[in-house]
Protein backbone atom coordinates (compact mmCIF):
# COMPACT_ATOMS: atom_id res chain seq x y z
CA UNK A 1 9.47 -3.90 84.98
CA UNK A 2 11.51 -3.84 81.76
CA UNK A 3 10.74 -6.38 79.09
CA UNK A 4 13.37 -9.02 78.51
CA UNK A 5 14.67 -9.01 74.95
CA UNK A 6 15.95 -12.28 73.55
CA UNK A 7 18.68 -12.21 70.93
CA UNK A 8 18.97 -15.53 69.18
CA UNK A 9 22.47 -16.02 67.82
CA UNK A 10 23.50 -19.09 65.89
CA UNK A 11 27.24 -18.56 66.26
CA UNK A 12 27.36 -21.54 68.62
CA UNK A 13 27.78 -23.75 65.54
CA UNK A 14 31.38 -22.49 65.36
CA UNK A 15 32.22 -23.15 69.02
CA UNK A 16 34.86 -25.64 70.01
CA UNK A 17 33.59 -28.84 71.57
CA UNK A 18 34.19 -27.53 75.09
CA UNK A 19 32.54 -24.18 74.33
CA UNK A 20 29.53 -25.91 72.77
CA UNK A 21 29.16 -28.13 75.83
CA UNK A 22 29.18 -25.12 78.17
CA UNK A 23 26.80 -23.18 75.93
CA UNK A 24 24.23 -25.96 75.79
CA UNK A 25 24.43 -26.43 79.57
CA UNK A 26 23.80 -22.70 80.01
CA UNK A 27 20.82 -22.73 77.63
CA UNK A 28 19.32 -25.76 79.38
CA UNK A 29 19.70 -24.00 82.72
CA UNK A 30 18.04 -20.85 81.43
CA UNK A 31 15.15 -22.72 79.78
CA UNK A 32 14.37 -25.09 82.63
CA UNK A 33 11.26 -23.94 84.51
CA UNK A 34 11.21 -20.72 82.47
CA UNK A 35 7.63 -19.46 82.41
CA UNK A 36 8.25 -17.73 79.07
CA UNK A 37 8.97 -21.06 77.41
CA UNK A 38 6.66 -23.64 78.92
CA UNK A 39 6.63 -26.23 76.12
CA UNK A 40 10.01 -26.14 74.39
CA UNK A 41 10.25 -27.89 71.05
CA UNK A 42 12.39 -29.92 70.99
CA UNK A 43 11.96 -31.07 74.57
CA UNK A 44 14.76 -30.13 76.93
CA UNK A 45 15.15 -33.82 77.82
CA UNK A 46 15.97 -34.54 74.17
CA UNK A 47 18.63 -31.84 74.18
CA UNK A 48 20.03 -33.18 77.46
CA UNK A 49 20.24 -36.67 75.96
CA UNK A 50 21.99 -35.33 72.84
CA UNK A 51 24.38 -33.36 75.03
CA UNK A 52 25.26 -36.47 77.03
CA UNK A 53 25.90 -38.39 73.79
CA UNK A 54 28.06 -35.54 72.50
CA UNK A 55 30.05 -35.32 75.73
CA UNK A 56 30.67 -39.07 75.69
CA UNK A 57 31.69 -38.95 72.02
CA UNK A 58 34.13 -36.11 72.70
CA UNK A 59 35.73 -38.11 75.52
CA UNK A 60 35.96 -41.21 73.28
CA UNK A 61 37.46 -39.16 70.43
CA UNK A 62 40.30 -38.11 72.70
CA UNK A 63 41.21 -41.80 72.92
CA UNK A 64 41.72 -41.81 69.17
CA UNK A 65 40.57 -43.34 65.97
CA UNK A 66 38.76 -42.34 62.82
CA UNK A 67 35.54 -43.99 63.96
CA UNK A 68 35.65 -42.09 67.24
CA UNK A 69 36.08 -38.82 65.38
CA UNK A 70 33.18 -39.68 63.06
CA UNK A 71 31.01 -40.54 66.07
CA UNK A 72 31.89 -37.21 67.69
CA UNK A 73 31.07 -35.36 64.48
CA UNK A 74 27.69 -37.11 64.22
CA UNK A 75 26.85 -36.38 67.87
CA UNK A 76 27.86 -32.73 67.40
CA UNK A 77 25.68 -32.43 64.30
CA UNK A 78 22.69 -33.94 66.12
CA UNK A 79 23.16 -31.56 69.08
CA UNK A 80 23.52 -28.51 66.84
CA UNK A 81 20.38 -29.50 64.94
CA UNK A 82 18.41 -29.61 68.20
CA UNK A 83 19.89 -26.30 69.34
CA UNK A 84 18.92 -24.64 66.08
CA UNK A 85 15.39 -25.99 66.53
CA UNK A 86 15.16 -24.62 70.05
CA UNK A 87 16.41 -21.25 68.77
CA UNK A 88 13.56 -21.23 66.25
CA UNK A 89 11.13 -22.15 69.03
CA UNK A 90 12.37 -19.29 71.23
CA UNK A 91 12.12 -16.83 68.33
CA UNK A 92 8.57 -17.88 67.47
CA UNK A 93 7.46 -17.93 71.09
CA UNK A 94 8.83 -14.44 71.73
CA UNK A 95 7.16 -13.11 68.57
CA UNK A 96 3.88 -14.68 69.66
CA UNK A 97 4.00 -13.14 73.13
CA UNK A 98 5.00 -9.70 71.82
CA UNK A 99 1.96 -9.62 69.53
CA UNK A 100 -0.46 -10.18 72.41
């Protein structure tokens, strides 16, 4: 069986709100119950919570206002920070398993 190679790209930071939402959903789906990544850091539940906050903030932003835009920006920043952390986790975990 061929070894799976993980390429960790951080280009998601430039995605539109909708693209970021879809990307995070995809990552969560791929990481859930993945035997290669048994103890993700940060926890997937934390990412799911941040995603829900981001999604809600995006919907509220569409209703207008400077405060709503600032709230969306803060939720986006928090989500991206968690996604960068999980990218580091995946990179370290893959490096650890390759060295075995």
